[in-house]
C-alpha atoms as a PDB file:
ATOM      1  CA  GLU A   1     112.702  80.109  40.050  1.00  0.00           C
ATOM      2  CA  VAL A   2     114.277  79.227  36.733  1.00  0.00           C
ATOM      3  CA  LYS A   3     112.291  77.253  34.207  1.00  0.00           C
ATOM      4  CA  VAL A   4     114.182  75.363  31.557  1.00  0.00           C
ATOM      5  CA  LYS A   5     112.590  73.192  28.931  1.00  0.00           C
ATOM      6  CA  ALA A   6     114.753  70.105  28.561  1.00  0.00           C
ATOM      7  CA  TYR A   7     114.573  67.071  26.312  1.00  0.00           C
ATOM      8  CA  SER A   8     115.809  63.587  27.042  1.00  0.00           C
ATOM      9  CA  HIS A   9     117.504  61.591  24.319  1.00  0.00           C
ATOM     10  CA  PRO A  10     117.806  57.834  25.011  1.00  0.00           C
ATOM     11  CA  LEU A  11     121.349  56.518  24.725  1.00  0.00           C
ATOM     12  CA  GLY A  12     120.753  52.915  25.733  1.00  0.00           C
ATOM     13  CA  GLU A  13     120.195  50.462  28.528  1.00  0.00           C
ATOM     14  CA  THR A  14     122.267  47.827  30.235  1.00  0.00           C
ATOM     15  CA  SER A  15     121.799  45.045  32.733  1.00  0.00           C
ATOM     16  CA  VAL A  16     123.111  45.506  36.239  1.00  0.00           C
ATOM     17  CA  GLY A  17     125.726  43.467  38.064  1.00  0.00           C
ATOM     18  CA  PHE A  18     126.729  43.209  41.694  1.00  0.00           C
ATOM     19  CA  PHE A  19     130.377  43.897  42.487  1.00  0.00           C
ATOM     20  CA  GLY A  20     132.481  43.740  45.617  1.00  0.00           C
ATOM     21  CA  ALA A  21     135.934  43.672  47.115  1.00  0.00           C
ATOM     22  CA  GLU A  22     137.715  40.395  46.340  1.00  0.00           C
ATOM     23  CA  GLY A  23     136.997  38.452  49.555  1.00  0.00           C
ATOM     24  CA  LEU A  24     133.385  39.583  49.822  1.00  0.00           C
ATOM     25  CA  ALA A  25     132.780  38.910  46.138  1.00  0.00           C
ATOM     26  CA  ALA A  26     134.258  35.398  46.368  1.00  0.00           C
ATOM     27  CA  ALA A  27     132.100  34.602  49.387  1.00  0.00           C
ATOM     28  CA  HIS A  28     128.894  35.488  47.516  1.00  0.00           C
ATOM     29  CA  ARG A  29     129.617  34.450  43.930  1.00  0.00           C
ATOM     30  CA  ARG A  30     128.825  30.751  44.140  1.00  0.00           C
ATOM     31  CA  ALA A  31     125.075  30.741  44.823  1.00  0.00           C
ATOM     32  CA  PHE A  32     124.302  34.119  43.236  1.00  0.00           C
ATOM     33  CA  PRO A  33     121.671  35.577  43.411  1.00  0.00           C
ATOM     34  CA  ARG A  34     120.510  33.564  46.465  1.00  0.00           C
ATOM     35  CA  SER A  35     123.803  34.511  48.122  1.00  0.00           C
ATOM     36  CA  LEU A  36     122.566  38.112  48.342  1.00  0.00           C
ATOM     37  CA  ASP A  37     120.055  37.037  50.993  1.00  0.00           C
ATOM     38  CA  GLY A  38     121.469  38.456  54.231  1.00  0.00           C
ATOM     39  CA  ALA A  39     124.580  39.759  52.455  1.00  0.00           C
ATOM     40  CA  PRO A  40     125.826  43.285  53.211  1.00  0.00           C
ATOM     41  CA  VAL A  41     124.851  45.524  50.305  1.00  0.00           C
ATOM     42  CA  LEU A  42     125.266  49.181  49.456  1.00  0.00           C
ATOM     43  CA  LEU A  43     122.336  50.510  47.453  1.00  0.00           C
ATOM     44  CA  PRO A  44     121.282  53.710  45.738  1.00  0.00           C
ATOM     45  CA  VAL A  45     118.775  55.848  47.653  1.00  0.00           C
ATOM     46  CA  GLU A  46     115.123  54.763  47.587  1.00  0.00           C
ATOM     47  CA  THR A  47     114.097  57.606  45.263  1.00  0.00           C
ATOM     48  CA  SER A  48     116.308  56.392  42.400  1.00  0.00           C
ATOM     49  CA  SER A  49     114.858  54.353  39.554  1.00  0.00           C
ATOM     50  CA  LEU A  50     117.626  51.752  39.938  1.00  0.00           C
ATOM     51  CA  ARG A  51     116.755  51.263  43.609  1.00  0.00           C
ATOM     52  CA  ARG A  52     113.060  50.822  42.826  1.00  0.00           C
ATOM     53  CA  ALA A  53     113.929  48.232  40.171  1.00  0.00           C
ATOM     54  CA  LEU A  54     116.280  46.412  42.555  1.00  0.00           C
ATOM     55  CA  ASP A  55     113.713  46.420  45.384  1.00  0.00           C
ATOM     56  CA  HIS A  56     111.130  44.958  43.004  1.00  0.00           C
ATOM     57  CA  TRP A  57     113.612  42.276  41.896  1.00  0.00           C
ATOM     58  CA  PHE A  58     114.582  41.455  45.509  1.00  0.00           C
ATOM     59  CA  ASP A  59     110.884  41.018  46.356  1.00  0.00           C
ATOM     60  CA  ALA A  60     110.216  38.857  43.289  1.00  0.00           C
ATOM     61  CA  GLU A  61     113.211  36.627  44.107  1.00  0.00           C
ATOM     62  CA  GLY A  62     112.514  36.488  47.856  1.00  0.00           C
ATOM     63  CA  ILE A  63     115.923  37.983  48.595  1.00  0.00           C
ATOM     64  CA  ARG A  64     116.427  40.106  51.714  1.00  0.00           C
ATOM     65  CA  PRO A  65     119.892  41.655  51.666  1.00  0.00           C
ATOM     66  CA  ARG A  66     121.279  43.467  54.702  1.00  0.00           C
ATOM     67  CA  VAL A  67     121.406  47.095  53.562  1.00  0.00           C
ATOM     68  CA  VAL A  68     124.495  48.619  55.169  1.00  0.00           C
ATOM     69  CA  GLY A  69     124.320  51.919  53.287  1.00  0.00           C
ATOM     70  CA  GLU A  70     122.155  53.970  50.978  1.00  0.00           C
ATOM     71  CA  VAL A  71     124.120  56.342  48.786  1.00  0.00           C
ATOM     72  CA  GLU A  72     123.015  59.017  46.337  1.00  0.00           C
ATOM     73  CA  ASP A  73     126.324  59.313  44.497  1.00  0.00           C
ATOM     74  CA  SER A  74     127.294  56.306  42.334  1.00  0.00           C
ATOM     75  CA  ALA A  75     131.035  57.029  42.633  1.00  0.00           C
ATOM     76  CA  LEU A  76     130.794  57.031  46.438  1.00  0.00           C
ATOM     77  CA  LEU A  77     128.849  53.758  46.263  1.00  0.00           C
ATOM     78  CA  LYS A  78     131.744  52.208  44.339  1.00  0.00           C
ATOM     79  CA  VAL A  79     134.380  53.614  46.715  1.00  0.00           C
ATOM     80  CA  LEU A  80     132.543  52.181  49.738  1.00  0.00           C
ATOM     81  CA  GLY A  81     132.272  48.854  47.926  1.00  0.00           C
ATOM     82  CA  GLN A  82     135.968  49.003  47.080  1.00  0.00           C
ATOM     83  CA  ALA A  83     136.656  49.400  50.818  1.00  0.00           C
ATOM     84  CA  GLY A  84     134.836  46.110  51.462  1.00  0.00           C
ATOM     85  CA  LEU A  85     131.806  47.572  53.238  1.00  0.00           C
ATOM     86  CA  GLY A  86     129.318  45.743  51.032  1.00  0.00           C
ATOM     87  CA  LEU A  87     128.380  44.475  47.607  1.00  0.00           C
ATOM     88  CA  PHE A  88     127.038  47.105  45.218  1.00  0.00           C
ATOM     89  CA  PRO A  89     125.098  47.255  41.951  1.00  0.00           C
ATOM     90  CA  ALA A  90     126.509  48.935  38.860  1.00  0.00           C
ATOM     91  CA  PRO A  91     125.815  48.965  35.111  1.00  0.00           C
ATOM     92  CA  LEU A  92     127.407  46.100  33.208  1.00  0.00           C
ATOM     93  CA  ALA A  93     128.068  48.347  30.205  1.00  0.00           C
ATOM     94  CA  ILE A  94     131.026  49.720  32.190  1.00  0.00           C
ATOM     95  CA  GLU A  95     131.998  46.471  33.957  1.00  0.00           C
ATOM     96  CA  GLU A  96     135.621  46.532  32.764  1.00  0.00           C
ATOM     97  CA  GLU A  97     136.105  50.124  33.901  1.00  0.00           C
ATOM     98  CA  ILE A  98     134.562  49.416  37.325  1.00  0.00           C
ATOM     99  CA  ARG A  99     136.751  46.356  37.875  1.00  0.00           C
ATOM    100  CA  ARG A 100     139.895  48.193  36.742  1.00  0.00           C
ATOM    101  CA  GLN A 101     139.300  51.514  38.494  1.00  0.00           C
ATOM    102  CA  TYR A 102     138.007  50.164  41.823  1.00  0.00           C
ATOM    103  CA  GLY A 103     139.817  46.814  41.968  1.00  0.00           C
ATOM    104  CA  VAL A 104     136.561  44.949  42.593  1.00  0.00           C
ATOM    105  CA  LYS A 105     135.227  41.660  41.253  1.00  0.00           C
ATOM    106  CA  LEU A 106     131.925  40.838  39.589  1.00  0.00           C
ATOM    107  CA  VAL A 107     129.721  38.717  41.859  1.00  0.00           C
ATOM    108  CA  GLY A 108     126.896  38.143  39.394  1.00  0.00           C
ATOM    109  CA  ARG A 109     124.638  39.575  36.709  1.00  0.00           C
ATOM    110  CA  VAL A 110     121.019  40.614  37.143  1.00  0.00           C
ATOM    111  CA  ASP A 111     119.606  40.625  33.626  1.00  0.00           C
ATOM    112  CA  ALA A 112     116.090  41.367  34.932  1.00  0.00           C
ATOM    113  CA  VAL A 113     117.176  44.802  36.184  1.00  0.00           C
ATOM    114  CA  LYS A 114     118.081  47.410  33.583  1.00  0.00           C
ATOM    115  CA  GLU A 115     119.628  50.826  33.974  1.00  0.00           C
ATOM    116  CA  ARG A 116     118.758  53.351  31.294  1.00  0.00           C
ATOM    117  CA  PHE A 117     120.917  56.275  30.223  1.00  0.00           C
ATOM    118  CA  TYR A 118     119.869  59.523  28.590  1.00  0.00           C
ATOM    119  CA  ALA A 119     121.484  62.672  27.266  1.00  0.00           C
ATOM    120  CA  LEU A 120     119.627  65.801  28.370  1.00  0.00           C
ATOM    121  CA  SER A 121     119.576  68.910  26.238  1.00  0.00           C
ATOM    122  CA  VAL A 122     117.639  72.110  25.707  1.00  0.00           C
ATOM    123  CA  GLU A 123     117.275  71.181  22.036  1.00  0.00           C
ATOM    124  CA  ARG A 124     114.495  68.921  20.777  1.00  0.00           C
ATOM    125  CA  ARG A 125     117.024  67.504  18.302  1.00  0.00           C
ATOM    126  CA  ILE A 126     120.688  67.403  19.166  1.00  0.00           C
ATOM    127  CA  LYS A 127     122.557  69.571  16.672  1.00  0.00           C
ATOM    128  CA  HIS A 128     125.846  70.488  18.322  1.00  0.00           C
ATOM    129  CA  PRO A 129     128.613  68.379  16.687  1.00  0.00           C
ATOM    130  CA  ALA A 130     130.357  67.534  19.957  1.00  0.00           C
ATOM    131  CA  VAL A 131     127.137  66.481  21.684  1.00  0.00           C
ATOM    132  CA  LEU A 132     126.165  64.441  18.618  1.00  0.00           C
ATOM    133  CA  ALA A 133     129.557  62.703  18.633  1.00  0.00           C
ATOM    134  CA  ILE A 134     129.347  61.879  22.349  1.00  0.00           C
ATOM    135  CA  SER A 135     125.782  60.578  22.026  1.00  0.00           C
ATOM    136  CA  GLU A 136     126.612  58.410  19.035  1.00  0.00           C
ATOM    137  CA  ALA A 137     129.747  57.051  20.722  1.00  0.00           C
ATOM    138  CA  ALA A 138     127.730  56.108  23.806  1.00  0.00           C
ATOM    139  CA  ARG A 139     125.088  54.364  21.708  1.00  0.00           C
ATOM    140  CA  SER A 140     127.571  52.434  19.593  1.00  0.00           C
ATOM    141  CA  ARG A 141     130.302  51.597  22.135  1.00  0.00           C
ATOM    142  CA  LEU A 142     128.431  51.185  25.401  1.00  0.00           C
ATOM    143  CA  PHE A 143     124.986  49.988  24.393  1.00  0.00           C
ATOM    144  CA  SER A 144     125.431  48.147  21.108  1.00  0.00           C
END
């Protein structure tokens, strides 16, 4: 067993959007978020914080999507969504990249659900110049 003391350094938070392949996205964009009721969705696994937040939001809104897949890896989630298997949630801070890289369309925004990002380090205060630069770039460019 290896014990490592790690520190989390908040980088920022962003709202979440639902994305999908063009036809599926177009079919569910108009009455969003009500259109998610019964819609095929790909979601993160139940143990993830994003999934818990989404489940809470679905319950609060009275939305019951048809979960067609639960995926641990966010890149795989996007690839399955790109293939048209279902709508999927992703952070809006990288909306342009998601649309460009996966060829998907934004269905709608869920401002009530936030995804938070952290840098993890073994240092209480980040001192390494490269790590500092990356952290500052994330804070200023993605989460400003």
